Amino acid sequence: MPGPVRVARLLETLGINPETVLVIRNNTLVTHDERLEEPDTIEIRPVISGG
């Protein structure tokens, strides 16, 4: 996806509920209001909770 784009906008475009995933940029967890740039490498991982 062409950047720059905020994490929340990326998830919206992909149809992903932001409450169900963690977004990691270059091995660092990012918040949904952070801006992503084109050269960034991101991972979108599901949130897993247990007890």
N, C-alpha and C. Protein backbone atom coordinates (compact mmCIF):
# COMPACT_ATOMS: atom_id res chain seq x y z
N MET A 1 0.86 -1.18 0.00
CA MET A 1 0.00 0.00 0.00
C MET A 1 0.90 1.24 0.00
N PRO A 2 0.63 2.18 -0.84
CA PRO A 2 1.46 3.39 -0.86
C PRO A 2 1.35 4.16 0.45
N GLY A 3 2.47 4.67 0.90
CA GLY A 3 2.49 5.44 2.14
C GLY A 3 2.61 6.91 1.82
N PRO A 4 2.61 7.74 2.80
CA PRO A 4 2.39 7.40 4.20
C PRO A 4 0.91 7.13 4.47
N VAL A 5 0.68 6.28 5.48
CA VAL A 5 -0.69 5.94 5.89
C VAL A 5 -0.68 5.60 7.37
N ARG A 6 -1.72 5.98 8.07
CA ARG A 6 -1.83 5.64 9.49
C ARG A 6 -2.24 4.17 9.62
N VAL A 7 -1.80 3.55 10.71
CA VAL A 7 -2.10 2.15 10.96
C VAL A 7 -3.61 1.90 10.91
N ALA A 8 -4.40 2.75 11.55
CA ALA A 8 -5.85 2.58 11.57
C ALA A 8 -6.44 2.58 10.16
N ARG A 9 -5.95 3.43 9.31
CA ARG A 9 -6.43 3.51 7.92
C ARG A 9 -6.05 2.25 7.14
N LEU A 10 -4.85 1.75 7.36
CA LEU A 10 -4.41 0.52 6.70
C LEU A 10 -5.33 -0.63 7.09
N LEU A 11 -5.61 -0.78 8.38
CA LEU A 11 -6.47 -1.86 8.85
C LEU A 11 -7.88 -1.72 8.29
N GLU A 12 -8.37 -0.50 8.24
CA GLU A 12 -9.70 -0.24 7.68
C GLU A 12 -9.75 -0.66 6.20
N THR A 13 -8.73 -0.28 5.46
CA THR A 13 -8.65 -0.62 4.05
C THR A 13 -8.62 -2.13 3.83
N LEU A 14 -7.95 -2.84 4.74
CA LEU A 14 -7.85 -4.29 4.64
C LEU A 14 -9.06 -5.02 5.23
N GLY A 15 -9.98 -4.26 5.84
CA GLY A 15 -11.16 -4.86 6.43
C GLY A 15 -10.88 -5.62 7.71
N ILE A 16 -9.88 -5.16 8.46
CA ILE A 16 -9.47 -5.83 9.69
C ILE A 16 -9.92 -5.00 10.89
N ASN A 17 -10.57 -5.66 11.85
CA ASN A 17 -10.98 -5.01 13.08
C ASN A 17 -9.72 -4.71 13.91
N PRO A 18 -9.42 -3.44 14.21
CA PRO A 18 -8.19 -3.10 14.92
C PRO A 18 -8.09 -3.69 16.33
N GLU A 19 -9.22 -4.06 16.91
CA GLU A 19 -9.19 -4.63 18.26
C GLU A 19 -8.76 -6.09 18.27
N THR A 20 -8.62 -6.69 17.09
CA THR A 20 -8.29 -8.11 17.02
C THR A 20 -6.86 -8.40 16.61
N VAL A 21 -6.07 -7.35 16.35
CA VAL A 21 -4.71 -7.56 15.86
C VAL A 21 -3.69 -6.64 16.55
N LEU A 22 -2.44 -7.06 16.45
CA LEU A 22 -1.29 -6.22 16.83
C LEU A 22 -0.56 -5.90 15.53
N VAL A 23 -0.07 -4.67 15.44
CA VAL A 23 0.68 -4.27 14.25
C VAL A 23 2.12 -4.01 14.68
N ILE A 24 3.04 -4.66 13.98
CA ILE A 24 4.46 -4.57 14.31
C ILE A 24 5.19 -4.00 13.10
N ARG A 25 5.95 -2.92 13.34
CA ARG A 25 6.74 -2.29 12.28
C ARG A 25 8.21 -2.47 12.61
N ASN A 26 8.93 -3.09 11.70
CA ASN A 26 10.37 -3.28 11.88
C ASN A 26 10.69 -3.81 13.26
N ASN A 27 9.94 -4.84 13.70
CA ASN A 27 10.11 -5.53 14.99
C ASN A 27 9.71 -4.72 16.21
N THR A 28 8.93 -3.64 16.03
CA THR A 28 8.47 -2.81 17.14
C THR A 28 6.95 -2.66 17.06
N LEU A 29 6.27 -2.91 18.18
CA LEU A 29 4.82 -2.76 18.24
C LEU A 29 4.46 -1.29 18.04
N VAL A 30 3.45 -1.03 17.21
CA VAL A 30 3.02 0.35 16.95
C VAL A 30 1.55 0.52 17.33
N THR A 31 1.17 1.76 17.64
CA THR A 31 -0.22 2.06 17.96
C THR A 31 -0.97 2.36 16.67
N HIS A 32 -2.29 2.40 16.77
CA HIS A 32 -3.12 2.57 15.58
C HIS A 32 -3.07 3.99 15.02
N ASP A 33 -2.53 4.94 15.77
CA ASP A 33 -2.45 6.31 15.26
C ASP A 33 -1.08 6.64 14.66
N GLU A 34 -0.17 5.68 14.66
CA GLU A 34 1.16 5.93 14.10
C GLU A 34 1.12 5.89 12.58
N ARG A 35 2.05 6.61 11.98
CA ARG A 35 2.13 6.74 10.53
C ARG A 35 3.14 5.75 9.98
N LEU A 36 2.74 5.04 8.95
CA LEU A 36 3.63 4.11 8.27
C LEU A 36 4.14 4.74 6.99
N GLU A 37 5.37 4.47 6.68
CA GLU A 37 5.98 4.96 5.44
C GLU A 37 6.18 3.79 4.49
N GLU A 38 6.37 4.07 3.22
CA GLU A 38 6.50 3.02 2.20
C GLU A 38 7.61 2.01 2.49
N PRO A 39 8.79 2.41 2.97
CA PRO A 39 9.83 1.38 3.16
C PRO A 39 9.63 0.52 4.41
N ASP A 40 8.64 0.83 5.26
CA ASP A 40 8.42 0.06 6.48
C ASP A 40 7.99 -1.37 6.16
N THR A 41 8.47 -2.29 6.97
CA THR A 41 8.03 -3.67 6.91
C THR A 41 7.10 -3.88 8.09
N ILE A 42 5.88 -4.34 7.83
CA ILE A 42 4.94 -4.53 8.93
C ILE A 42 4.44 -5.97 8.98
N GLU A 43 4.06 -6.37 10.18
CA GLU A 43 3.41 -7.65 10.41
C GLU A 43 2.10 -7.36 11.11
N ILE A 44 1.07 -8.07 10.75
CA ILE A 44 -0.22 -7.96 11.41
C ILE A 44 -0.49 -9.32 12.05
N ARG A 45 -0.51 -9.34 13.38
CA ARG A 45 -0.67 -10.59 14.11
C ARG A 45 -1.96 -10.59 14.90
N PRO A 46 -2.65 -11.73 14.97
CA PRO A 46 -3.87 -11.78 15.77
C PRO A 46 -3.56 -11.69 17.26
N VAL A 47 -4.46 -11.06 17.99
CA VAL A 47 -4.33 -10.98 19.44
C VAL A 47 -4.78 -12.33 19.99
N ILE A 48 -3.93 -12.92 20.84
CA ILE A 48 -4.26 -14.20 21.46
C ILE A 48 -4.27 -13.98 22.96
N SER A 49 -5.37 -14.33 23.60
CA SER A 49 -5.45 -14.20 25.05
C SER A 49 -5.80 -15.56 25.64
N GLY A 50 -5.35 -15.74 26.82
CA GLY A 50 -5.61 -17.02 27.48
C GLY A 50 -5.64 -16.82 28.98
N GLY A 51 -5.89 -17.87 29.65
CA GLY A 51 -5.97 -17.73 31.09
C GLY A 51 -5.45 -18.90 31.83
